[in-house]
Protein backbone atom coordinates (compact mmCIF):
# COMPACT_ATOMS: atom_id res chain seq x y z
CA MET A 1 3.25 -22.30 -15.76
CA PRO A 2 2.31 -24.44 -18.81
CA ARG A 3 -0.80 -25.83 -17.13
CA ILE A 4 -2.50 -22.45 -17.29
CA ARG A 5 -1.74 -22.01 -20.97
CA GLU A 6 -3.19 -25.44 -21.71
CA THR A 7 -6.34 -24.65 -19.71
CA LEU A 8 -6.70 -21.30 -21.47
CA SER A 9 -6.40 -22.89 -24.90
CA ALA A 10 -9.09 -25.41 -24.03
CA GLY A 11 -11.48 -22.71 -22.81
CA ARG A 12 -11.06 -19.99 -25.46
CA ALA A 13 -13.68 -21.32 -27.82
CA ASP A 14 -16.56 -20.56 -25.48
CA THR A 15 -16.58 -16.89 -24.53
CA ALA A 16 -19.98 -16.88 -22.83
CA LEU A 17 -19.83 -15.31 -19.39
CA PRO A 18 -20.80 -18.43 -17.38
CA ALA A 19 -18.19 -20.42 -19.23
CA ALA A 20 -15.62 -17.69 -18.55
CA TYR A 21 -16.23 -17.93 -14.82
CA ARG A 22 -16.06 -21.71 -14.94
CA LEU A 23 -12.69 -21.43 -16.67
CA CYS A 24 -11.46 -19.10 -13.94
CA ARG A 25 -12.52 -21.64 -11.35
CA ARG A 26 -10.64 -24.42 -13.18
CA VAL A 27 -7.51 -22.30 -13.56
CA THR A 28 -7.50 -21.46 -9.86
CA ARG A 29 -8.15 -25.05 -8.82
CA THR A 30 -5.41 -26.38 -11.15
CA HIS A 31 -2.77 -23.74 -10.55
CA ASP A 32 -3.42 -22.90 -6.87
CA PRO A 33 -5.52 -25.63 -5.20
CA GLU A 34 -4.82 -24.17 -1.75
CA VAL A 35 -6.11 -20.77 -2.87
CA ASP A 36 -9.17 -22.47 -4.31
CA ALA A 37 -9.76 -24.08 -0.92
CA LEU A 38 -9.54 -20.65 0.74
CA ILE A 39 -12.01 -19.18 -1.76
CA ARG A 40 -14.47 -21.94 -0.92
CA LEU A 41 -14.50 -20.65 2.66
CA MET A 42 -16.13 -17.46 1.36
CA PRO A 43 -19.87 -17.00 0.76
CA PRO A 44 -20.95 -18.42 -2.63
CA VAL A 45 -21.72 -14.99 -4.07
CA LEU A 46 -18.06 -13.94 -3.64
CA ARG A 47 -16.48 -17.05 -5.07
CA ARG A 48 -16.92 -16.17 -8.74
CA PRO A 49 -15.27 -12.73 -8.50
CA CYS A 50 -12.44 -14.21 -6.42
CA TRP A 51 -11.87 -16.96 -8.99
CA ALA A 52 -11.82 -14.31 -11.72
CA LEU A 53 -9.29 -12.20 -9.86
CA TRP A 54 -7.02 -15.10 -9.01
CA ALA A 55 -7.17 -16.61 -12.50
CA ALA A 56 -6.21 -13.24 -13.99
CA VAL A 57 -3.25 -12.86 -11.61
CA SER A 58 -2.17 -16.44 -12.32
CA ALA A 59 -2.45 -16.03 -16.10
CA PHE A 60 -0.43 -12.84 -15.92
CA ASP A 61 2.23 -14.47 -13.74
CA ASP A 62 2.41 -17.26 -16.31
CA LEU A 63 3.31 -14.72 -19.00
CA VAL A 64 6.03 -13.16 -16.86
CA ASP A 65 7.53 -16.47 -15.73
CA GLY A 66 7.30 -18.29 -19.06
CA PRO A 67 10.57 -20.21 -19.54
CA ASP A 68 10.15 -20.49 -23.32
CA ALA A 69 10.50 -16.78 -24.05
CA SER A 70 13.26 -14.21 -23.63
CA ALA A 71 13.05 -11.46 -21.02
CA ALA A 72 12.20 -8.90 -23.70
CA GLU A 73 9.47 -11.12 -25.13
CA ARG A 74 7.96 -11.73 -21.69
CA THR A 75 7.97 -8.01 -20.91
CA ALA A 76 6.23 -7.29 -24.21
CA GLN A 77 3.65 -10.02 -23.58
CA ALA A 78 2.94 -8.65 -20.11
CA GLU A 79 2.49 -5.10 -21.40
CA SER A 80 0.24 -6.35 -24.18
CA TRP A 81 -1.93 -8.17 -21.63
CA ILE A 82 -2.27 -5.07 -19.44
CA ALA A 83 -3.09 -2.90 -22.46
CA ALA A 84 -5.71 -5.42 -23.56
CA LEU A 85 -7.26 -5.39 -20.08
CA GLU A 86 -7.50 -1.60 -20.18
CA ALA A 87 -9.18 -1.72 -23.58
CA ASP A 88 -11.55 -4.40 -22.30
CA LEU A 89 -12.47 -2.26 -19.30
CA ASP A 90 -13.28 0.59 -21.67
CA SER A 91 -15.49 -1.59 -23.86
CA GLY A 92 -17.07 -3.54 -20.98
CA THR A 93 -16.28 -7.00 -22.33
CA SER A 94 -13.47 -9.13 -23.74
CA THR A 95 -12.86 -11.92 -26.20
CA ASP A 96 -10.42 -13.44 -23.70
CA PRO A 97 -12.49 -15.52 -21.24
CA ILE A 98 -10.44 -14.71 -18.13
CA ARG A 99 -10.41 -11.00 -18.84
CA ARG A 100 -14.13 -11.19 -19.67
CA ALA A 101 -14.85 -12.56 -16.20
CA LEU A 102 -12.56 -9.97 -14.60
CA VAL A 103 -14.21 -7.08 -16.47
CA ASP A 104 -17.64 -8.39 -15.48
CA THR A 105 -16.50 -8.57 -11.86
CA ALA A 106 -15.31 -4.96 -11.98
CA ALA A 107 -18.64 -3.80 -13.43
CA ARG A 108 -20.90 -6.02 -11.32
CA TRP A 109 -19.20 -5.20 -8.02
CA HIS A 110 -18.28 -1.60 -8.87
CA VAL A 111 -14.63 -2.16 -7.96
CA ASP A 112 -11.60 -0.27 -9.25
CA LEU A 113 -8.98 -2.51 -10.84
CA SER A 114 -6.30 0.18 -11.05
CA ALA A 115 -4.49 -1.22 -7.99
CA VAL A 116 -4.44 -4.67 -9.60
CA ARG A 117 -3.03 -3.10 -12.76
CA ASP A 118 -0.31 -1.43 -10.69
CA GLY A 119 0.49 -4.76 -9.04
CA MET A 120 0.80 -6.31 -12.49
CA LEU A 121 3.27 -3.60 -13.47
CA VAL A 122 5.39 -4.60 -10.48
CA THR A 123 5.19 -8.23 -11.59
CA ARG A 124 6.13 -7.22 -15.14
CA ASP A 125 9.29 -5.59 -13.82
CA ASP A 126 10.26 -8.85 -12.11
CA VAL A 127 11.45 -10.05 -15.50
CA ARG A 128 14.54 -8.02 -14.74
CA ARG A 129 16.93 -9.50 -12.22
CA ARG A 130 15.88 -7.65 -9.11
CA SER A 131 18.18 -7.11 -6.15
CA PHE A 132 17.49 -5.65 -2.72
CA ASP A 133 20.08 -4.04 -0.48
CA ASP A 134 18.06 -4.47 2.69
CA TRP A 135 14.74 -5.60 4.11
CA ALA A 136 13.23 -2.13 3.62
CA GLN A 137 13.62 -2.41 -0.17
CA TRP A 138 12.35 -5.97 -0.08
CA HIS A 139 9.27 -4.96 1.94
CA ALA A 140 8.45 -2.20 -0.58
CA TRP A 141 8.68 -4.69 -3.46
CA SER A 142 6.69 -7.34 -1.58
CA ARG A 143 3.84 -4.98 -0.80
CA GLY A 144 3.71 -3.81 -4.40
CA HIS A 145 2.92 -7.41 -5.29
CA VAL A 146 0.64 -8.49 -2.48
CA VAL A 147 -1.26 -5.48 -1.16
CA PRO A 148 -3.30 -4.66 -4.32
CA THR A 149 -4.82 -8.15 -4.49
CA PHE A 150 -5.66 -8.32 -0.80
CA GLU A 151 -7.09 -4.81 -0.78
CA LEU A 152 -9.37 -5.70 -3.68
CA LEU A 153 -10.55 -8.77 -1.75
CA ARG A 154 -11.32 -6.51 1.21
CA ASP A 155 -13.25 -4.22 -1.12
CA LEU A 156 -15.30 -7.15 -2.42
CA PHE A 157 -16.19 -8.24 1.11
CA GLY A 158 -17.22 -4.69 1.96
CA ARG A 159 -19.49 -4.44 -1.08
CA ALA A 160 -21.09 -7.72 -0.05
CA GLY A 161 -22.04 -6.06 3.25
CA VAL A 162 -19.30 -7.70 5.31
CA PRO A 163 -16.55 -5.09 5.79
CA VAL A 164 -13.16 -6.53 6.74
CA VAL A 165 -11.99 -4.06 9.35
CA VAL A 166 -8.25 -4.01 10.02
CA ARG A 167 -7.59 -1.95 13.11
CA LEU A 168 -4.97 0.61 12.23
CA ASP A 169 -3.26 0.09 15.55
CA ARG A 170 -2.53 -3.35 14.06
CA GLN A 171 -1.49 -1.96 10.68
CA ALA A 172 2.12 -3.06 11.17
CA SER A 173 0.92 -6.58 12.00
CA TYR A 174 -1.28 -6.61 8.89
CA GLU A 175 1.60 -5.53 6.64
CA ARG A 176 3.99 -8.02 8.20
CA PHE A 177 1.45 -10.80 7.70
CA LEU A 178 1.17 -9.88 4.02
CA ASP A 179 4.98 -9.84 3.80
CA SER A 180 4.97 -13.39 5.13
CA THR A 181 3.01 -14.55 2.08
CA ARG A 182 5.73 -13.25 -0.23
CA LEU A 183 8.54 -14.72 1.86
CA VAL A 184 6.83 -18.12 2.00
CA ASP A 185 6.37 -17.99 -1.78
CA THR A 186 10.04 -17.08 -2.22
CA LEU A 187 11.14 -20.06 -0.13
CA THR A 188 8.71 -22.37 -1.92
CA ASP A 189 9.86 -21.19 -5.36
CA LEU A 190 13.61 -21.37 -4.75
CA ALA A 191 14.00 -24.07 -7.40
CA ALA A 192 12.06 -22.19 -10.08
CA ASP A 193 13.73 -18.87 -9.25
CA ARG A 194 17.15 -20.51 -9.37
CA ARG A 195 16.45 -21.76 -12.88
CA GLU A 196 15.53 -18.19 -13.82
CA HIS A 197 18.77 -16.92 -12.20
CA ARG A 198 16.79 -15.02 -9.55
CA LEU A 199 17.28 -14.91 -5.81
CA LEU A 200 14.62 -12.59 -4.40
CA LEU A 201 16.19 -11.99 -1.01
CA PRO A 202 17.82 -8.89 0.47
CA ARG A 203 21.60 -8.70 0.56
CA GLU A 204 21.26 -7.75 4.22
CA ILE A 205 20.29 -11.34 5.11
CA LEU A 206 22.48 -13.05 2.49
CA GLU A 207 25.62 -11.41 3.89
CA GLN A 208 24.93 -12.95 7.30
CA PHE A 209 25.55 -16.40 5.77
CA PRO A 210 28.77 -16.21 3.70
CA GLY A 211 28.72 -18.52 0.74
CA ALA A 212 25.00 -19.27 0.93
CA GLU A 213 24.11 -17.08 -2.05
CA ASP A 214 26.55 -18.80 -4.43
CA ASP A 215 25.53 -22.21 -3.11
CA LEU A 216 21.83 -21.56 -3.72
CA ARG A 217 22.48 -20.18 -7.19
CA GLN A 218 24.56 -23.24 -8.06
CA GLY A 219 22.07 -25.68 -6.53
CA ARG A 220 24.37 -26.78 -3.69
CA TRP A 221 22.75 -27.62 -0.35
CA SER A 222 25.60 -26.53 1.93
CA THR A 223 25.62 -25.82 5.64
CA ALA A 224 25.46 -22.10 4.87
CA ALA A 225 22.48 -22.58 2.54
CA ALA A 226 20.66 -24.74 5.10
CA ASP A 227 21.31 -22.19 7.85
CA LEU A 228 20.02 -19.36 5.64
CA VAL A 229 16.82 -21.25 4.81
CA ALA A 230 16.34 -22.09 8.49
CA GLU A 231 16.74 -18.41 9.42
CA LEU A 232 14.28 -17.33 6.73
CA THR A 233 11.66 -19.87 7.74
CA GLY A 234 11.99 -18.64 11.32
CA ILE A 235 11.46 -15.05 10.18
CA ALA A 236 8.46 -16.09 8.09
CA ARG A 237 6.92 -17.93 11.06
CA ARG A 238 7.17 -14.82 13.21
CA TRP A 239 5.58 -12.74 10.47
CA VAL A 240 2.72 -15.19 10.00
CA THR A 241 2.00 -15.35 13.73
CA GLN A 242 0.33 -12.00 14.43
CA PRO A 243 -1.87 -12.20 17.55
CA GLY A 244 -4.94 -10.02 17.40
CA LEU A 245 -4.85 -9.60 13.63
CA THR A 246 -8.50 -10.66 13.24
CA LEU A 247 -9.68 -8.83 16.34
CA GLY A 248 -12.95 -7.08 15.52
CA MET A 249 -13.42 -8.88 12.19
CA HIS A 250 -16.64 -10.61 11.19
CA PRO A 251 -16.26 -14.38 11.89
CA GLY A 252 -16.49 -15.24 8.17
CA PRO A 253 -13.43 -13.28 6.97
CA ALA A 254 -11.64 -14.08 10.25
CA ILE A 255 -11.98 -17.83 9.49
CA VAL A 256 -10.47 -17.25 6.04
CA VAL A 257 -7.52 -15.31 7.51
CA ASP A 258 -6.93 -17.93 10.23
CA ALA A 259 -7.02 -20.76 7.67
CA PHE A 260 -4.61 -18.82 5.46
CA ALA A 261 -2.21 -18.42 8.40
CA ASP A 262 -2.43 -22.15 9.13
CA LEU A 263 -1.75 -22.86 5.46
CA LEU A 264 1.35 -20.65 5.46
CA LEU A 265 2.69 -22.39 8.56
CA ALA A 266 2.06 -25.77 6.95
CA GLN A 267 3.91 -24.59 3.87
CA LEU A 268 6.88 -23.62 6.05
CA ASP A 269 6.78 -27.08 7.64
CA ALA A 270 7.03 -28.55 4.13
CA VAL A 271 9.94 -26.25 3.26
CA GLU A 272 11.84 -27.32 6.37
CA ALA A 273 11.15 -31.01 5.70
CA ALA A 274 12.27 -30.78 2.06
CA GLY A 275 15.93 -30.11 2.80
CA PRO A 276 18.12 -30.42 -0.35
CA ALA A 277 15.07 -31.25 -2.49
CA LEU A 278 13.95 -27.64 -2.06
CA LEU A 279 16.53 -26.61 -4.69
CA HIS A 280 15.01 -28.88 -7.32
CA SER A 281 11.26 -28.94 -6.73
CA GLN A 282 8.47 -27.18 -4.84
CA ALA A 283 7.62 -28.37 -1.35
CA ARG A 284 3.90 -28.65 -0.66
CA PRO A 285 1.87 -29.70 2.38
CA SER A 286 0.40 -33.18 2.23
CA SER A 287 -3.25 -33.80 1.49
CA VAL A 288 -3.71 -34.98 5.08
CA THR A 289 -2.32 -31.68 6.40
CA LEU A 290 -4.57 -29.69 4.09
CA ALA A 291 -7.59 -31.68 5.24
CA ARG A 292 -6.75 -30.91 8.87
CA ILE A 293 -6.78 -27.21 8.02
CA PHE A 294 -9.75 -26.93 5.69
CA VAL A 295 -12.30 -29.48 6.87
CA PRO A 296 -12.97 -27.78 10.23
CA ALA A 297 -12.63 -24.36 8.59
CA ARG A 298 -15.38 -25.26 6.09
CA ILE A 299 -17.70 -26.29 8.91
CA ARG A 300 -17.11 -23.05 10.82
CA SER A 301 -17.41 -20.87 7.71
CA ALA A 302 -20.66 -22.53 6.64
CA LEU A 303 -22.15 -21.72 10.04
CA ALA A 304 -20.85 -18.15 9.98
CA TRP A 305 -22.26 -17.42 6.52
CA SER A 306 -25.58 -19.09 7.30
CA LEU A 307 -26.09 -16.45 10.00
CA THR A 308 -24.93 -13.53 7.85
CA PRO A 309 -27.02 -11.71 5.24
CA VAL A 310 -24.75 -11.10 2.24
CA THR A 311 -25.52 -8.39 -0.30
CA VAL A 312 -25.83 -9.51 -3.90
CA PRO A 313 -25.05 -6.68 -6.33
CA PRO A 314 -27.61 -5.61 -8.93
CA ASN A 315 -27.03 -5.95 -12.64
CA PRO A 316 -23.59 -4.62 -13.52
CA ARG A 317 -22.98 -1.08 -14.67
CA ARG A 318 -21.43 -1.19 -18.10
CA PRO A 319 -19.00 1.58 -18.98
CA THR A 320 -19.99 3.81 -21.86
CA PRO A 321 -16.83 5.19 -23.42
CA THR A 322 -17.30 8.73 -24.68
CA VAL A 323 -13.77 9.26 -26.03
CA PRO A 324 -11.48 7.04 -28.08
CA ARG A 325 -9.26 4.69 -26.15
CA ALA A 326 -6.15 6.59 -27.19
CA THR A 327 -7.27 9.53 -25.11
CA ALA A 328 -9.32 7.69 -22.50
CA ARG A 329 -6.36 5.83 -21.00
CA PRO A 330 -2.59 6.34 -21.20
CA ALA A 331 -0.41 3.58 -22.62
CA VAL A 332 1.14 1.05 -20.28
CA GLY A 333 3.90 2.69 -18.28
CA GLU A 334 2.81 6.25 -19.06
CA SER A 335 1.88 8.70 -16.34
CA ARG A 336 -1.85 9.11 -15.70
CA SER A 337 -1.43 12.44 -13.91
CA GLN A 338 -2.38 15.91 -15.09
CA PRO A 339 -0.63 19.16 -14.17
CA PRO A 340 -2.24 21.12 -11.33
CA PRO A 341 -4.53 24.00 -12.23
CA GLY A 342 -2.77 27.33 -12.47
CA HIS A 343 -3.18 30.14 -9.97
CA PRO A 344 -6.19 32.38 -10.78
CA THR A 345 -3.88 35.40 -11.17
CA GLY A 346 -1.69 33.57 -13.67
CA CYS A 347 1.39 33.90 -11.46
CA ARG A 348 4.13 31.35 -11.99
CA PRO A 349 6.31 29.66 -9.35
CA PRO A 350 9.74 31.13 -8.64
CA ARG A 351 12.88 29.44 -9.92
CA ILE A 352 14.31 27.54 -6.97
CA SER A 353 17.56 25.63 -7.33
CA ALA A 354 17.69 22.00 -6.27
CA GLU A 355 20.08 22.91 -3.44
CA ALA A 356 17.64 25.48 -2.03
CA LEU A 357 14.54 23.28 -2.31
CA PRO A 358 13.61 21.50 0.92
CA ALA A 359 12.85 17.80 0.71
CA HIS A 360 10.07 18.02 3.28
CA VAL A 361 7.81 20.90 4.33
CA ALA A 362 5.45 20.44 7.28
CA ILE A 363 2.60 22.89 7.95
CA VAL A 364 0.48 23.55 11.03
CA MET A 365 -2.71 24.79 9.33
CA ASP A 366 -3.79 27.12 12.13
CA GLY A 367 -6.45 29.81 12.22
CA ASN A 368 -9.49 28.25 10.52
CA GLY A 369 -11.83 28.93 13.44
CA ARG A 370 -10.57 32.50 14.00
CA TRP A 371 -10.94 33.22 10.28
CA ALA A 372 -14.62 32.26 10.49
CA GLU A 373 -15.26 34.16 13.74
CA HIS A 374 -13.80 37.36 12.27
CA ARG A 375 -16.42 37.07 9.53
CA GLY A 376 -19.31 36.23 11.85
CA LEU A 377 -19.46 32.65 10.55
CA PRO A 378 -19.60 29.33 12.37
CA ARG A 379 -16.14 27.87 13.01
CA SER A 380 -17.02 24.92 10.78
CA GLU A 381 -17.08 27.33 7.82
CA GLY A 382 -13.46 28.14 8.55
CA HIS A 383 -12.52 24.48 8.30
CA ARG A 384 -14.31 24.22 4.96
CA ALA A 385 -12.47 27.28 3.70
CA GLY A 386 -9.22 25.73 4.93
CA VAL A 387 -9.69 22.85 2.50
CA THR A 388 -9.32 25.28 -0.41
CA ALA A 389 -6.06 26.53 1.07
CA LEU A 390 -4.84 22.94 1.36
CA HIS A 391 -5.62 22.37 -2.32
CA GLU A 392 -3.55 25.46 -3.09
CA MET A 393 -0.60 24.11 -1.11
CA VAL A 394 -0.69 20.82 -3.00
CA TYR A 395 -0.87 22.63 -6.34
CA GLY A 396 2.02 24.88 -5.38
CA ALA A 397 4.10 21.98 -4.11
CA LEU A 398 3.61 20.11 -7.39
CA GLU A 399 4.55 23.15 -9.44
CA ILE A 400 7.96 23.52 -7.76
CA GLY A 401 8.67 19.79 -7.44
CA LEU A 402 8.50 19.52 -3.65
CA PRO A 403 8.88 15.81 -2.76
CA HIS A 404 7.12 15.73 0.65
CA LEU A 405 4.37 17.87 2.19
CA THR A 406 2.89 17.02 5.60
CA VAL A 407 -0.05 18.94 7.07
CA TYR A 408 -1.53 18.98 10.56
CA GLY A 409 -5.29 18.58 10.24
CA PHE A 410 -6.46 17.46 13.70
CA SER A 411 -4.45 16.79 16.84
CA THR A 412 -5.10 14.31 19.62
CA GLU A 413 -5.71 17.37 21.83
CA ASN A 414 -8.38 18.81 19.52
CA TRP A 415 -11.01 16.45 20.98
CA ARG A 416 -11.31 19.01 23.79
CA ARG A 417 -13.05 21.40 21.39
CA ASP A 418 -16.80 21.87 21.15
CA THR A 419 -18.58 18.71 19.98
CA GLY A 420 -20.24 20.55 17.11
CA GLU A 421 -16.92 21.84 15.81
CA VAL A 422 -15.34 18.37 16.01
CA GLU A 423 -18.26 16.86 14.12
CA GLY A 424 -17.90 19.60 11.51
CA ILE A 425 -14.21 18.77 11.06
CA MET A 426 -15.05 15.08 10.59
CA SER A 427 -17.77 15.94 8.09
CA THR A 428 -15.40 18.21 6.16
CA LEU A 429 -12.80 15.46 5.95
CA ARG A 430 -15.39 12.93 4.79
CA LYS A 431 -16.52 15.23 2.00
CA GLY A 432 -12.94 15.93 1.00
CA LEU A 433 -12.22 12.23 0.71
CA ASP A 434 -15.42 11.60 -1.25
CA ASP A 435 -14.72 14.48 -3.66
CA ASP A 436 -11.18 13.16 -4.31
CA PRO A 437 -9.86 16.52 -5.60
CA PHE A 438 -6.41 15.11 -6.42
CA ARG A 439 -7.64 12.13 -8.47
CA ASP A 440 -5.90 13.39 -11.64
CA LEU A 441 -2.72 14.60 -9.93
CA ASP A 442 0.49 12.70 -9.23
CA VAL A 443 -0.05 12.84 -5.47
CA HIS A 444 0.41 9.96 -3.05
CA LEU A 445 -1.91 10.69 -0.14
CA ARG A 446 -1.14 9.18 3.27
CA TRP A 447 -2.60 9.39 6.75
CA SER A 448 -0.68 9.46 10.00
CA GLY A 449 -2.60 9.30 13.26
CA ASN A 450 -4.27 7.18 15.89
CA PRO A 451 -7.45 5.34 14.85
CA GLU A 452 -8.88 5.43 18.36
CA LYS A 453 -11.98 7.62 18.69
CA LEU A 454 -12.27 8.09 14.93
CA PRO A 455 -15.45 6.78 13.24
CA ALA A 456 -14.88 3.42 11.55
CA ASP A 457 -16.10 4.66 8.16
CA LEU A 458 -13.65 7.56 8.26
CA VAL A 459 -10.77 5.25 9.14
CA GLU A 460 -11.70 3.00 6.22
CA SER A 461 -11.87 5.98 3.84
CA LEU A 462 -8.44 7.19 4.97
CA ARG A 463 -7.03 3.71 4.48
CA HIS A 464 -8.64 3.46 1.04
CA MET A 465 -7.15 6.83 0.09
CA GLU A 466 -3.67 5.51 0.88
CA THR A 467 -4.18 2.30 -1.06
CA THR A 468 -5.54 3.87 -4.23
CA THR A 469 -2.74 6.47 -4.50
CA ARG A 470 0.18 4.34 -3.31
CA THR A 471 1.89 4.04 -6.71
CA ARG A 472 1.99 7.78 -7.42
CA THR A 473 5.46 9.26 -7.23
CA GLY A 474 5.16 13.04 -7.73
CA LEU A 475 4.31 14.50 -4.30
CA THR A 476 3.85 12.54 -1.09
CA CYS A 477 1.25 14.45 0.93
CA THR A 478 0.70 13.16 4.46
CA LEU A 479 -2.36 14.23 6.43
CA CYS A 480 -1.80 14.10 10.18
CA PHE A 481 -5.29 13.57 11.59
CA ASN A 482 -5.94 12.60 15.20
CA TYR A 483 -2.19 12.85 15.43
CA GLY A 484 0.11 13.59 18.35
CA GLY A 485 3.88 13.46 18.14
CA ARG A 486 4.33 11.96 21.58
CA ASP A 487 1.60 9.44 20.81
CA GLU A 488 3.43 8.40 17.63
CA ILE A 489 6.71 7.92 19.50
CA THR A 490 4.95 6.03 22.31
CA ARG A 491 3.32 3.64 19.85
CA ALA A 492 6.65 3.19 18.06
CA ALA A 493 8.28 2.31 21.37
CA ALA A 494 5.55 -0.25 22.08
CA THR A 495 6.02 -1.84 18.65
CA LEU A 496 9.78 -1.89 19.17
CA ALA A 497 9.30 -3.54 22.56
CA ARG A 498 7.22 -6.26 20.91
CA ALA A 499 9.98 -6.74 18.32
CA VAL A 500 12.53 -7.15 21.13
CA GLN A 501 10.23 -9.62 22.87
CA ALA A 502 9.90 -11.61 19.62
CA GLY A 503 13.66 -11.72 19.20
CA ASP A 504 13.72 -9.55 16.06
CA VAL A 505 15.75 -6.75 17.72
CA ASP A 506 18.70 -6.93 20.12
CA PRO A 507 17.97 -4.41 22.94
CA ASP A 508 21.71 -3.81 23.47
CA PHE A 509 22.03 -2.40 19.97
CA ILE A 510 18.92 -0.24 19.68
CA GLY A 511 19.66 3.04 17.94
CA GLU A 512 17.80 5.98 16.48
CA ASP A 513 17.22 4.07 13.25
CA ASP A 514 15.30 1.42 15.17
CA ILE A 515 12.90 4.04 16.50
CA THR A 516 12.50 5.51 13.01
CA ARG A 517 11.71 2.12 11.52
CA HIS A 518 8.78 1.74 13.90
CA LEU A 519 7.20 5.16 13.32
CA SER A 520 4.06 5.45 11.21
CA PHE A 521 6.08 6.13 8.05
CA PRO A 522 9.73 5.10 8.36
CA ASP A 523 10.44 6.49 4.89
CA MET A 524 9.31 10.00 5.86
CA PRO A 525 12.38 12.27 5.61
CA ASN A 526 13.30 14.70 8.34
CA VAL A 527 11.39 17.96 8.16
CA ASP A 528 13.45 20.76 6.61
CA LEU A 529 10.91 23.56 7.02
CA LEU A 530 8.10 23.69 9.59
CA TRP A 531 5.64 26.48 8.88
CA ARG A 532 2.79 27.58 11.13
CA THR A 533 0.10 30.05 10.13
CA GLY A 534 -2.29 31.94 12.41
CA GLY A 535 0.20 33.99 14.42
CA GLU A 536 1.07 31.39 17.06
CA GLN A 537 4.73 30.45 17.54
CA ARG A 538 4.85 26.89 18.79
CA THR A 539 5.00 23.46 17.17
CA SER A 540 2.15 21.89 19.21
CA ASN A 541 3.36 18.30 19.37
CA PHE A 542 3.71 18.10 15.57
CA LEU A 543 6.33 15.67 14.22
CA PRO A 544 8.79 16.10 17.12
CA TRP A 545 10.97 13.16 16.05
CA GLN A 546 11.20 14.29 12.44
CA SER A 547 11.55 18.04 13.17
CA THR A 548 14.51 18.16 15.52
CA TYR A 549 16.52 20.24 13.02
CA ALA A 550 13.69 21.87 11.10
CA GLU A 551 13.82 25.54 10.23
CA LEU A 552 10.82 27.22 11.90
CA TYR A 553 8.72 29.75 10.01
CA PHE A 554 5.72 31.57 11.52
CA THR A 555 3.27 33.85 9.69
CA PRO A 556 0.31 35.89 11.02
CA ASP A 557 -2.31 35.13 8.36
CA ASN A 558 -4.98 32.59 9.21
CA TRP A 559 -4.84 29.41 7.17
CA PRO A 560 -7.82 30.11 4.83
CA ASP A 561 -6.14 33.38 3.76
CA VAL A 562 -2.97 31.73 2.38
CA ASP A 563 -2.37 30.23 -1.03
CA ARG A 564 0.47 28.66 -3.01
CA ARG A 565 2.31 31.98 -3.26
CA ASP A 566 2.77 31.91 0.53
CA LEU A 567 4.28 28.44 0.23
CA TRP A 568 6.71 29.72 -2.37
CA ARG A 569 7.65 32.65 -0.12
CA ALA A 570 8.24 30.27 2.79
CA ILE A 571 10.50 28.09 0.67
CA THR A 572 12.36 31.13 -0.68
CA GLU A 573 12.97 32.24 2.93
CA TYR A 574 14.18 28.73 3.75
CA GLY A 575 16.67 28.90 0.88
CA ASN A 576 18.20 32.06 2.37
CA ARG A 577 18.92 30.45 5.74
CA GLN A 578 22.16 28.74 6.69
CA ARG A 579 21.70 25.29 8.22
CA ARG A 580 24.63 24.13 10.38
CA TYR A 581 23.26 21.05 12.21
CA GLY A 582 25.27 21.81 15.33
CA THR A 583 28.46 22.99 13.65
CA ALA A 584 29.99 26.40 14.35
CA GLN A 585 29.23 29.32 12.07
CA PRO A 586 32.25 29.84 9.80
CA THR A 587 34.34 32.91 10.52
CA SER A 588 35.03 35.42 7.81
CA ALA A 589 38.64 34.14 7.58
CA SER A 590 37.62 30.52 7.15
CA ALA A 591 34.90 31.43 4.71
CA THR A 592 37.33 33.03 2.27
């Protein structure tokens, strides 16, 4: 985008902070006037950080998409920009005006830019010619782009005293809405992507329209190409239209979301009206259409913010580096994780072959309360001691390279327990999230459960935990909290029914994969080993869909008494079992 480079050149001479923010505002207004209009629906105190964020994303996209440089040169430029941002964050300022405003925003609002950095790494990789086999791969790529920016915007609203609550029973709707922004952008940018020899669509949809892919790449507006675009705009419309998405939100953010949805629909109208011209230039809504969206939205937002006290942050906290940059931050692309602490006894993990290592271990962490009672302690002390055992399991899983670990922390039936014990469990979880014991480990933390009955602040902390660890690839550790297996399947069925009603799924062809795709985590592999401590021998409504062929393993020790060595023993026992998945056991004759 040459316009950004020209604007940057004009603004570099003045590096004063007010001038830096003014430059960010001009970049946003020039490059993304519709985004600028959305930002102006926010309270004035949030506009400057939003302009800084969007100008930084736009400037970075400009580097990646620059037509005047080779792919290798663009990749190098992108990595240099990210490295410079990290150095600027360490020093607390920047000679680049856009990064100066972004660094000031991070310090002033006390926000973590690591998710934005990770999103930029995804954008950097777009220099390569990406391809997607199916919608699942496309969704993962889309969310890597979009989610970090939107989550940072949510964080900014929260720090201004206006939390943007997304009900987790609408999490699928939220994610699909964010996917719509990427799909609308893809349709809008068909001409530019074609010139870059990119077609950012899954093969799953391209194969439904034979010949359309070649026609689009060659700039031919054929019947197949027109039908494909019509199908994609229809999909995007369904994704944009998510009833109840803003339910429970403050009116101010809700007005912004509603205006954004109207803008996306107007953009789709422009795509449909463009026809063959879509392959040669961007289609944009008319100024009249934009006025119809934003004029009434500005009136409503002004009223909403006039009735809302907004928190203005104090003077920014400036970082004080205590170590050289070379050791303070890893280089771009390097892992930020540290190895887990060793076991206090010095014992090392056993050698387990890849064939004998399960892909997914699930644990019912039972016996916390009994452990405490046997010691004359309140049951809440048992839950606190159980946290240490959980840390041990994570350390042990990392040491042997286990890909997935899922633990049962609190069931939907556990609300029947004493109120004091339940409050103690909630308090223990809050403290665990605040302490962030895995911050330096390569652990992606996730939460599976029902948000109903849970305190809003706890739900938000669980959601934040997922967002901030989403790019880690070592161990995926899922905490099942306020979870019930039947509840998960019931909610999946309800979501699937809505998909059938919307026309996204043919009810005559529903299979097991359709149910799986609508569970909390469709990418969660089947459980290979289900282990329960505490002496009980039942699965207690834990992952019934994923555990149909799990090997069951029961041990008598209460959960606080186990450590990583018990995990290694369980996995060693698993490796000695023969898994047949319904086949007959081989006879001695057939085995020879």
